[in-house]
Amino acid sequence: MADYSEFPTTPTAWQEQQWQMVAPLETEDRPQPQQPRRVDLVALVAGLFFLVVAVSTMVGLNFSLGLLDDGGLLWVLLIGAGIALLVKELRKARRRG
């Protein structure tokens, strides 16, 4: 059986030191700073609304409003959300163009 002990399989101390001192090249691109994200108001309002409805349902509150009969409130919310999303997309397109 051949003796390969003259070929070390583990790095020596000076090799480990050199490997730890890795510096970026001058030609590398620097990372671009990220711009802060804006708050999505439609999602925020919808989330807060559903949170209030969920908590009030768990507590046992009873809303006796005429809007809740026959899905009236649902229609108002759907139309309002549709208009809000339409306005949001129009504003976004105007900013881009």
PDB file of N, CA and C in Angstrom:
ATOM      1  N   MET A   1       0.841  -1.175   0.000  1.00  0.00           N
ATOM      2  CA  MET A   1       0.000   0.000   0.000  1.00  0.00           C
ATOM      3  C   MET A   1       0.890   1.244   0.000  1.00  0.00           C
ATOM      4  N   ALA A   2       0.585   2.194  -0.851  1.00  0.00           N
ATOM      5  CA  ALA A   2       1.403   3.402  -0.983  1.00  0.00           C
ATOM      6  C   ALA A   2       1.172   4.334   0.194  1.00  0.00           C
ATOM      7  N   ASP A   3       2.235   5.036   0.586  1.00  0.00           N
ATOM      8  CA  ASP A   3       2.164   5.975   1.705  1.00  0.00           C
ATOM      9  C   ASP A   3       2.063   7.393   1.136  1.00  0.00           C
ATOM     10  N   TYR A   4       0.914   8.026   1.334  1.00  0.00           N
ATOM     11  CA  TYR A   4       0.694   9.370   0.815  1.00  0.00           C
ATOM     12  C   TYR A   4       0.788  10.426   1.912  1.00  0.00           C
ATOM     13  N   SER A   5       1.512  10.172   2.969  1.00  0.00           N
ATOM     14  CA  SER A   5       1.589  11.111   4.080  1.00  0.00           C
ATOM     15  C   SER A   5       2.352  12.379   3.713  1.00  0.00           C
ATOM     16  N   GLU A   6       3.128  12.345   2.636  1.00  0.00           N
ATOM     17  CA  GLU A   6       3.857  13.555   2.252  1.00  0.00           C
ATOM     18  C   GLU A   6       2.938  14.597   1.606  1.00  0.00           C
ATOM     19  N   PHE A   7       1.718  14.197   1.226  1.00  0.00           N
ATOM     20  CA  PHE A   7       0.748  15.121   0.654  1.00  0.00           C
ATOM     21  C   PHE A   7      -0.319  15.415   1.707  1.00  0.00           C
ATOM     22  N   PRO A   8      -0.220  16.548   2.377  1.00  0.00           N
ATOM     23  CA  PRO A   8      -1.194  16.825   3.441  1.00  0.00           C
ATOM     24  C   PRO A   8      -2.588  17.071   2.866  1.00  0.00           C
ATOM     25  N   THR A   9      -3.573  16.555   3.544  1.00  0.00           N
ATOM     26  CA  THR A   9      -4.955  16.730   3.100  1.00  0.00           C
ATOM     27  C   THR A   9      -5.641  17.881   3.818  1.00  0.00           C
ATOM     28  N   THR A  10      -5.016  18.372   4.860  1.00  0.00           N
ATOM     29  CA  THR A  10      -5.597  19.506   5.579  1.00  0.00           C
ATOM     30  C   THR A  10      -4.724  20.729   5.361  1.00  0.00           C
ATOM     31  N   PRO A  11      -5.322  21.916   5.323  1.00  0.00           N
ATOM     32  CA  PRO A  11      -4.522  23.120   5.094  1.00  0.00           C
ATOM     33  C   PRO A  11      -3.643  23.442   6.295  1.00  0.00           C
ATOM     34  N   THR A  12      -2.532  24.053   5.993  1.00  0.00           N
ATOM     35  CA  THR A  12      -1.633  24.480   7.068  1.00  0.00           C
ATOM     36  C   THR A  12      -2.135  25.804   7.632  1.00  0.00           C
ATOM     37  N   ALA A  13      -1.505  26.266   8.694  1.00  0.00           N
ATOM     38  CA  ALA A  13      -1.957  27.478   9.374  1.00  0.00           C
ATOM     39  C   ALA A  13      -1.886  28.698   8.461  1.00  0.00           C
ATOM     40  N   TRP A  14      -0.814  28.821   7.681  1.00  0.00           N
ATOM     41  CA  TRP A  14      -0.704  30.011   6.823  1.00  0.00           C
ATOM     42  C   TRP A  14      -1.737  29.983   5.705  1.00  0.00           C
ATOM     43  N   GLN A  15      -2.127  28.784   5.240  1.00  0.00           N
ATOM     44  CA  GLN A  15      -3.166  28.696   4.220  1.00  0.00           C
ATOM     45  C   GLN A  15      -4.523  29.103   4.791  1.00  0.00           C
ATOM     46  N   GLU A  16      -4.799  28.685   6.009  1.00  0.00           N
ATOM     47  CA  GLU A  16      -6.060  29.072   6.634  1.00  0.00           C
ATOM     48  C   GLU A  16      -6.132  30.575   6.831  1.00  0.00           C
ATOM     49  N   GLN A  17      -5.004  31.201   7.186  1.00  0.00           N
ATOM     50  CA  GLN A  17      -4.985  32.651   7.360  1.00  0.00           C
ATOM     51  C   GLN A  17      -5.256  33.356   6.039  1.00  0.00           C
ATOM     52  N   GLN A  18      -4.663  32.879   4.972  1.00  0.00           N
ATOM     53  CA  GLN A  18      -4.869  33.519   3.675  1.00  0.00           C
ATOM     54  C   GLN A  18      -6.310  33.375   3.208  1.00  0.00           C
ATOM     55  N   TRP A  19      -6.943  32.268   3.486  1.00  0.00           N
ATOM     56  CA  TRP A  19      -8.310  32.052   3.047  1.00  0.00           C
ATOM     57  C   TRP A  19      -9.284  32.958   3.778  1.00  0.00           C
ATOM     58  N   GLN A  20      -8.959  33.370   4.988  1.00  0.00           N
ATOM     59  CA  GLN A  20      -9.874  34.203   5.759  1.00  0.00           C
ATOM     60  C   GLN A  20      -9.799  35.667   5.349  1.00  0.00           C
ATOM     61  N   MET A  21      -8.745  36.072   4.665  1.00  0.00           N
ATOM     62  CA  MET A  21      -8.599  37.465   4.256  1.00  0.00           C
ATOM     63  C   MET A  21      -9.042  37.634   2.808  1.00  0.00           C
ATOM     64  N   VAL A  22     -10.305  37.441   2.529  1.00  0.00           N
ATOM     65  CA  VAL A  22     -10.821  37.592   1.177  1.00  0.00           C
ATOM     66  C   VAL A  22     -11.373  39.007   1.044  1.00  0.00           C
ATOM     67  N   ALA A  23     -10.853  39.759   0.110  1.00  0.00           N
ATOM     68  CA  ALA A  23     -11.301  41.130  -0.122  1.00  0.00           C
ATOM     69  C   ALA A  23     -12.011  41.195  -1.474  1.00  0.00           C
ATOM     70  N   PRO A  24     -13.068  42.005  -1.569  1.00  0.00           N
ATOM     71  CA  PRO A  24     -13.755  42.120  -2.863  1.00  0.00           C
ATOM     72  C   PRO A  24     -12.874  42.825  -3.888  1.00  0.00           C
ATOM     73  N   LEU A  25     -13.028  42.435  -5.119  1.00  0.00           N
ATOM     74  CA  LEU A  25     -12.268  43.066  -6.193  1.00  0.00           C
ATOM     75  C   LEU A  25     -12.793  44.475  -6.443  1.00  0.00           C
ATOM     76  N   GLU A  26     -11.932  45.340  -6.954  1.00  0.00           N
ATOM     77  CA  GLU A  26     -12.347  46.712  -7.234  1.00  0.00           C
ATOM     78  C   GLU A  26     -13.336  46.779  -8.388  1.00  0.00           C
ATOM     79  N   THR A  27     -13.330  45.786  -9.246  1.00  0.00           N
ATOM     80  CA  THR A  27     -14.219  45.802 -10.407  1.00  0.00           C
ATOM     81  C   THR A  27     -15.613  45.284 -10.082  1.00  0.00           C
ATOM     82  N   GLU A  28     -15.827  44.755  -8.886  1.00  0.00           N
ATOM     83  CA  GLU A  28     -17.140  44.233  -8.529  1.00  0.00           C
ATOM     84  C   GLU A  28     -18.114  45.374  -8.289  1.00  0.00           C
ATOM     85  N   ASP A  29     -19.369  45.132  -8.630  1.00  0.00           N
ATOM     86  CA  ASP A  29     -20.406  46.134  -8.397  1.00  0.00           C
ATOM     87  C   ASP A  29     -20.723  46.213  -6.917  1.00  0.00           C
ATOM     88  N   ARG A  30     -20.909  47.422  -6.462  1.00  0.00           N
ATOM     89  CA  ARG A  30     -21.306  47.606  -5.070  1.00  0.00           C
ATOM     90  C   ARG A  30     -22.809  47.377  -4.961  1.00  0.00           C
ATOM     91  N   PRO A  31     -23.269  46.810  -3.859  1.00  0.00           N
ATOM     92  CA  PRO A  31     -24.713  46.587  -3.720  1.00  0.00           C
ATOM     93  C   PRO A  31     -25.462  47.917  -3.665  1.00  0.00           C
ATOM     94  N   GLN A  32     -26.548  47.979  -4.400  1.00  0.00           N
ATOM     95  CA  GLN A  32     -27.364  49.190  -4.432  1.00  0.00           C
ATOM     96  C   GLN A  32     -28.220  49.267  -3.170  1.00  0.00           C
ATOM     97  N   PRO A  33     -28.319  50.444  -2.562  1.00  0.00           N
ATOM     98  CA  PRO A  33     -29.180  50.561  -1.381  1.00  0.00           C
ATOM     99  C   PRO A  33     -30.643  50.403  -1.789  1.00  0.00           C
ATOM    100  N   GLN A  34     -31.378  49.669  -0.984  1.00  0.00           N
ATOM    101  CA  GLN A  34     -32.779  49.433  -1.292  1.00  0.00           C
ATOM    102  C   GLN A  34     -33.614  50.628  -0.861  1.00  0.00           C
ATOM    103  N   GLN A  35     -34.572  50.971  -1.706  1.00  0.00           N
ATOM    104  CA  GLN A  35     -35.471  52.063  -1.369  1.00  0.00           C
ATOM    105  C   GLN A  35     -36.537  51.538  -0.421  1.00  0.00           C
ATOM    106  N   PRO A  36     -36.964  52.366   0.525  1.00  0.00           N
ATOM    107  CA  PRO A  36     -38.005  51.904   1.448  1.00  0.00           C
ATOM    108  C   PRO A  36     -39.313  51.648   0.697  1.00  0.00           C
ATOM    109  N   ARG A  37     -39.993  50.611   1.105  1.00  0.00           N
ATOM    110  CA  ARG A  37     -41.245  50.247   0.448  1.00  0.00           C
ATOM    111  C   ARG A  37     -42.380  51.105   0.972  1.00  0.00           C
ATOM    112  N   ARG A  38     -43.296  51.423   0.096  1.00  0.00           N
ATOM    113  CA  ARG A  38     -44.452  52.225   0.490  1.00  0.00           C
ATOM    114  C   ARG A  38     -45.548  51.320   1.029  1.00  0.00           C
ATOM    115  N   VAL A  39     -46.390  51.898   1.851  1.00  0.00           N
ATOM    116  CA  VAL A  39     -47.490  51.154   2.451  1.00  0.00           C
ATOM    117  C   VAL A  39     -48.610  51.019   1.428  1.00  0.00           C
ATOM    118  N   ASP A  40     -49.125  49.811   1.278  1.00  0.00           N
ATOM    119  CA  ASP A  40     -50.265  49.560   0.406  1.00  0.00           C
ATOM    120  C   ASP A  40     -51.525  49.864   1.209  1.00  0.00           C
ATOM    121  N   LEU A  41     -52.129  51.031   0.955  1.00  0.00           N
ATOM    122  CA  LEU A  41     -53.262  51.475   1.763  1.00  0.00           C
ATOM    123  C   LEU A  41     -54.486  50.587   1.589  1.00  0.00           C
ATOM    124  N   VAL A  42     -54.715  50.089   0.382  1.00  0.00           N
ATOM    125  CA  VAL A  42     -55.881  49.227   0.160  1.00  0.00           C
ATOM    126  C   VAL A  42     -55.760  47.955   0.990  1.00  0.00           C
ATOM    127  N   ALA A  43     -54.583  47.343   0.984  1.00  0.00           N
ATOM    128  CA  ALA A  43     -54.373  46.127   1.770  1.00  0.00           C
ATOM    129  C   ALA A  43     -54.434  46.429   3.264  1.00  0.00           C
ATOM    130  N   LEU A  44     -53.920  47.591   3.667  1.00  0.00           N
ATOM    131  CA  LEU A  44     -53.957  47.966   5.079  1.00  0.00           C
ATOM    132  C   LEU A  44     -55.389  48.156   5.564  1.00  0.00           C
ATOM    133  N   VAL A  45     -56.203  48.867   4.797  1.00  0.00           N
ATOM    134  CA  VAL A  45     -57.595  49.102   5.192  1.00  0.00           C
ATOM    135  C   VAL A  45     -58.372  47.790   5.209  1.00  0.00           C
ATOM    136  N   ALA A  46     -58.170  46.958   4.189  1.00  0.00           N
ATOM    137  CA  ALA A  46     -58.871  45.668   4.154  1.00  0.00           C
ATOM    138  C   ALA A  46     -58.449  44.790   5.327  1.00  0.00           C
ATOM    139  N   GLY A  47     -57.161  44.763   5.627  1.00  0.00           N
ATOM    140  CA  GLY A  47     -56.680  43.965   6.757  1.00  0.00           C
ATOM    141  C   GLY A  47     -57.229  44.452   8.082  1.00  0.00           C
ATOM    142  N   LEU A  48     -57.243  45.769   8.278  1.00  0.00           N
ATOM    143  CA  LEU A  48     -57.802  46.315   9.523  1.00  0.00           C
ATOM    144  C   LEU A  48     -59.295  46.026   9.633  1.00  0.00           C
ATOM    145  N   PHE A  49     -60.010  46.134   8.515  1.00  0.00           N
ATOM    146  CA  PHE A  49     -61.444  45.845   8.538  1.00  0.00           C
ATOM    147  C   PHE A  49     -61.705  44.392   8.931  1.00  0.00           C
ATOM    148  N   PHE A  50     -61.003  43.465   8.297  1.00  0.00           N
ATOM    149  CA  PHE A  50     -61.211  42.052   8.618  1.00  0.00           C
ATOM    150  C   PHE A  50     -60.769  41.734  10.043  1.00  0.00           C
ATOM    151  N   LEU A  51     -59.756  42.421  10.528  1.00  0.00           N
ATOM    152  CA  LEU A  51     -59.330  42.235  11.909  1.00  0.00           C
ATOM    153  C   LEU A  51     -60.420  42.681  12.876  1.00  0.00           C
ATOM    154  N   VAL A  52     -61.021  43.834  12.609  1.00  0.00           N
ATOM    155  CA  VAL A  52     -62.101  44.333  13.468  1.00  0.00           C
ATOM    156  C   VAL A  52     -63.300  43.395  13.417  1.00  0.00           C
ATOM    157  N   VAL A  53     -63.643  42.920  12.233  1.00  0.00           N
ATOM    158  CA  VAL A  53     -64.778  41.994  12.108  1.00  0.00           C
ATOM    159  C   VAL A  53     -64.491  40.693  12.850  1.00  0.00           C
ATOM    160  N   ALA A  54     -63.276  40.167  12.727  1.00  0.00           N
ATOM    161  CA  ALA A  54     -62.933  38.905  13.388  1.00  0.00           C
ATOM    162  C   ALA A  54     -62.957  39.050  14.904  1.00  0.00           C
ATOM    163  N   VAL A  55     -62.365  40.125  15.419  1.00  0.00           N
ATOM    164  CA  VAL A  55     -62.338  40.318  16.875  1.00  0.00           C
ATOM    165  C   VAL A  55     -63.742  40.550  17.405  1.00  0.00           C
ATOM    166  N   SER A  56     -64.535  41.349  16.703  1.00  0.00           N
ATOM    167  CA  SER A  56     -65.896  41.606  17.183  1.00  0.00           C
ATOM    168  C   SER A  56     -66.751  40.344  17.131  1.00  0.00           C
ATOM    169  N   THR A  57     -66.509  39.480  16.161  1.00  0.00           N
ATOM    170  CA  THR A  57     -67.246  38.214  16.095  1.00  0.00           C
ATOM    171  C   THR A  57     -66.830  37.291  17.234  1.00  0.00           C
ATOM    172  N   MET A  58     -65.528  37.255  17.548  1.00  0.00           N
ATOM    173  CA  MET A  58     -65.065  36.405  18.647  1.00  0.00           C
ATOM    174  C   MET A  58     -65.596  36.893  19.988  1.00  0.00           C
ATOM    175  N   VAL A  59     -65.715  38.205  20.136  1.00  0.00           N
ATOM    176  CA  VAL A  59     -66.220  38.766  21.390  1.00  0.00           C
ATOM    177  C   VAL A  59     -67.717  38.522  21.511  1.00  0.00           C
ATOM    178  N   GLY A  60     -68.391  38.431  20.392  1.00  0.00           N
ATOM    179  CA  GLY A  60     -69.815  38.153  20.410  1.00  0.00           C
ATOM    180  C   GLY A  60     -70.671  39.380  20.181  1.00  0.00           C
ATOM    181  N   LEU A  61     -70.125  40.409  19.585  1.00  0.00           N
ATOM    182  CA  LEU A  61     -70.909  41.606  19.288  1.00  0.00           C
ATOM    183  C   LEU A  61     -71.895  41.304  18.170  1.00  0.00           C
ATOM    184  N   ASN A  62     -73.053  41.925  18.264  1.00  0.00           N
ATOM    185  CA  ASN A  62     -74.089  41.721  17.265  1.00  0.00           C
ATOM    186  C   ASN A  62     -74.361  43.056  16.585  1.00  0.00           C
ATOM    187  N   PHE A  63     -74.068  43.126  15.304  1.00  0.00           N
ATOM    188  CA  PHE A  63     -74.337  44.344  14.546  1.00  0.00           C
ATOM    189  C   PHE A  63     -75.726  44.232  13.937  1.00  0.00           C
ATOM    190  N   SER A  64     -76.608  45.094  14.342  1.00  0.00           N
ATOM    191  CA  SER A  64     -77.960  45.068  13.775  1.00  0.00           C
ATOM    192  C   SER A  64     -78.139  46.287  12.875  1.00  0.00           C
ATOM    193  N   LEU A  65     -77.375  46.316  11.819  1.00  0.00           N
ATOM    194  CA  LEU A  65     -77.462  47.400  10.850  1.00  0.00           C
ATOM    195  C   LEU A  65     -78.228  46.918   9.628  1.00  0.00           C
ATOM    196  N   GLY A  66     -78.884  47.836   8.977  1.00  0.00           N
ATOM    197  CA  GLY A  66     -79.624  47.496   7.772  1.00  0.00           C
ATOM    198  C   GLY A  66     -78.714  47.122   6.617  1.00  0.00           C
ATOM    199  N   LEU A  67     -77.473  47.587   6.653  1.00  0.00           N
ATOM    200  CA  LEU A  67     -76.543  47.269   5.570  1.00  0.00           C
ATOM    201  C   LEU A  67     -76.148  45.800   5.554  1.00  0.00           C
ATOM    202  N   LEU A  68     -76.244  45.140   6.703  1.00  0.00           N
ATOM    203  CA  LEU A  68     -75.840  43.737   6.763  1.00  0.00           C
ATOM    204  C   LEU A  68     -76.898  42.797   6.203  1.00  0.00           C
ATOM    205  N   ASP A  69     -78.124  43.283   6.044  1.00  0.00           N
ATOM    206  CA  ASP A  69     -79.198  42.439   5.516  1.00  0.00           C
ATOM    207  C   ASP A  69     -79.015  42.244   4.011  1.00  0.00           C
ATOM    208  N   ASP A  70     -79.237  41.045   3.546  1.00  0.00           N
ATOM    209  CA  ASP A  70     -79.187  40.689   2.124  1.00  0.00           C
ATOM    210  C   ASP A  70     -77.848  41.018   1.468  1.00  0.00           C
ATOM    211  N   GLY A  71     -76.772  41.020   2.232  1.00  0.00           N
ATOM    212  CA  GLY A  71     -75.448  41.239   1.660  1.00  0.00           C
ATOM    213  C   GLY A  71     -75.188  42.665   1.216  1.00  0.00           C
ATOM    214  N   GLY A  72     -75.915  43.626   1.740  1.00  0.00           N
ATOM    215  CA  GLY A  72     -75.734  45.026   1.341  1.00  0.00           C
ATOM    216  C   GLY A  72     -74.338  45.538   1.639  1.00  0.00           C
ATOM    217  N   LEU A  73     -73.826  45.195   2.811  1.00  0.00           N
ATOM    218  CA  LEU A  73     -72.481  45.642   3.177  1.00  0.00           C
ATOM    219  C   LEU A  73     -71.434  45.000   2.271  1.00  0.00           C
ATOM    220  N   LEU A  74     -71.673  43.765   1.894  1.00  0.00           N
ATOM    221  CA  LEU A  74     -70.742  43.086   0.996  1.00  0.00           C
ATOM    222  C   LEU A  74     -70.640  43.810  -0.339  1.00  0.00           C
ATOM    223  N   TRP A  75     -71.797  44.223  -0.878  1.00  0.00           N
ATOM    224  CA  TRP A  75     -71.772  44.946  -2.151  1.00  0.00           C
ATOM    225  C   TRP A  75     -71.039  46.275  -2.017  1.00  0.00           C
ATOM    226  N   VAL A  76     -71.272  46.979  -0.915  1.00  0.00           N
ATOM    227  CA  VAL A  76     -70.598  48.263  -0.697  1.00  0.00           C
ATOM    228  C   VAL A  76     -69.089  48.046  -0.606  1.00  0.00           C
ATOM    229  N   LEU A  77     -68.658  47.020   0.126  1.00  0.00           N
ATOM    230  CA  LEU A  77     -67.227  46.742   0.266  1.00  0.00           C
ATOM    231  C   LEU A  77     -66.594  46.333  -1.059  1.00  0.00           C
ATOM    232  N   LEU A  78     -67.269  45.494  -1.818  1.00  0.00           N
ATOM    233  CA  LEU A  78     -66.715  45.058  -3.100  1.00  0.00           C
ATOM    234  C   LEU A  78     -66.585  46.216  -4.086  1.00  0.00           C
ATOM    235  N   ILE A  79     -67.598  47.057  -4.150  1.00  0.00           N
ATOM    236  CA  ILE A  79     -67.539  48.208  -5.054  1.00  0.00           C
ATOM    237  C   ILE A  79     -66.460  49.179  -4.595  1.00  0.00           C
ATOM    238  N   GLY A  80     -66.389  49.431  -3.289  1.00  0.00           N
ATOM    239  CA  GLY A  80     -65.367  50.337  -2.755  1.00  0.00           C
ATOM    240  C   GLY A  80     -63.964  49.812  -2.995  1.00  0.00           C
ATOM    241  N   ALA A  81     -63.757  48.510  -2.783  1.00  0.00           N
ATOM    242  CA  ALA A  81     -62.435  47.922  -3.015  1.00  0.00           C
ATOM    243  C   ALA A  81     -62.078  47.968  -4.499  1.00  0.00           C
ATOM    244  N   GLY A  82     -63.046  47.729  -5.368  1.00  0.00           N
ATOM    245  CA  GLY A  82     -62.790  47.795  -6.804  1.00  0.00           C
ATOM    246  C   GLY A  82     -62.393  49.190  -7.251  1.00  0.00           C
ATOM    247  N   ILE A  83     -63.092  50.196  -6.741  1.00  0.00           N
ATOM    248  CA  ILE A  83     -62.753  51.579  -7.089  1.00  0.00           C
ATOM    249  C   ILE A  83     -61.378  51.937  -6.543  1.00  0.00           C
ATOM    250  N   ALA A  84     -61.086  51.519  -5.309  1.00  0.00           N
ATOM    251  CA  ALA A  84     -59.781  51.826  -4.708  1.00  0.00           C
ATOM    252  C   ALA A  84     -58.648  51.176  -5.495  1.00  0.00           C
ATOM    253  N   LEU A  85     -58.824  49.931  -5.914  1.00  0.00           N
ATOM    254  CA  LEU A  85     -57.789  49.258  -6.706  1.00  0.00           C
ATOM    255  C   LEU A  85     -57.617  49.906  -8.078  1.00  0.00           C
ATOM    256  N   LEU A  86     -58.732  50.336  -8.684  1.00  0.00           N
ATOM    257  CA  LEU A  86     -58.657  51.006  -9.975  1.00  0.00           C
ATOM    258  C   LEU A  86     -57.887  52.320  -9.864  1.00  0.00           C
ATOM    259  N   VAL A  87     -58.190  53.106  -8.832  1.00  0.00           N
ATOM    260  CA  VAL A  87     -57.487  54.377  -8.620  1.00  0.00           C
ATOM    261  C   VAL A  87     -56.008  54.129  -8.359  1.00  0.00           C
ATOM    262  N   LYS A  88     -55.705  53.103  -7.584  1.00  0.00           N
ATOM    263  CA  LYS A  88     -54.303  52.787  -7.286  1.00  0.00           C
ATOM    264  C   LYS A  88     -53.534  52.449  -8.558  1.00  0.00           C
ATOM    265  N   GLU A  89     -54.108  51.629  -9.414  1.00  0.00           N
ATOM    266  CA  GLU A  89     -53.431  51.249 -10.654  1.00  0.00           C
ATOM    267  C   GLU A  89     -53.284  52.442 -11.591  1.00  0.00           C
ATOM    268  N   LEU A  90     -54.278  53.326 -11.633  1.00  0.00           N
ATOM    269  CA  LEU A  90     -54.172  54.511 -12.478  1.00  0.00           C
ATOM    270  C   LEU A  90     -53.064  55.431 -11.983  1.00  0.00           C
ATOM    271  N   ARG A  91     -52.942  55.591 -10.678  1.00  0.00           N
ATOM    272  CA  ARG A  91     -51.869  56.417 -10.122  1.00  0.00           C
ATOM    273  C   ARG A  91     -50.500  55.809 -10.427  1.00  0.00           C
ATOM    274  N   LYS A  92     -50.409  54.489 -10.312  1.00  0.00           N
ATOM    275  CA  LYS A  92     -49.139  53.811 -10.578  1.00  0.00           C
ATOM    276  C   LYS A  92     -48.737  53.986 -12.049  1.00  0.00           C
ATOM    277  N   ALA A  93     -49.713  53.880 -12.954  1.00  0.00           N
ATOM    278  CA  ALA A  93     -49.430  54.044 -14.378  1.00  0.00           C
ATOM    279  C   ALA A  93     -49.029  55.484 -14.684  1.00  0.00           C
ATOM    280  N   ARG A  94     -49.631  56.436 -14.009  1.00  0.00           N
ATOM    281  CA  ARG A  94     -49.301  57.841 -14.239  1.00  0.00           C
ATOM    282  C   ARG A  94     -47.880  58.146 -13.772  1.00  0.00           C
ATOM    283  N   ARG A  95     -47.456  57.535 -12.644  1.00  0.00           N
ATOM    284  CA  ARG A  95     -46.099  57.757 -12.136  1.00  0.00           C
ATOM    285  C   ARG A  95     -45.053  57.173 -13.084  1.00  0.00           C
ATOM    286  N   ARG A  96     -45.368  56.020 -13.672  1.00  0.00           N
ATOM    287  CA  ARG A  96     -44.424  55.378 -14.586  1.00  0.00           C
ATOM    288  C   ARG A  96     -44.287  56.145 -15.893  1.00  0.00           C
ATOM    289  N   GLY A  97     -45.397  56.694 -16.368  1.00  0.00           N
ATOM    290  CA  GLY A  97     -45.400  57.303 -17.699  1.00  0.00           C
ATOM    291  C   GLY A  97     -45.144  58.725 -17.722  1.00  0.00           C
TER     292      GLY A  97
END
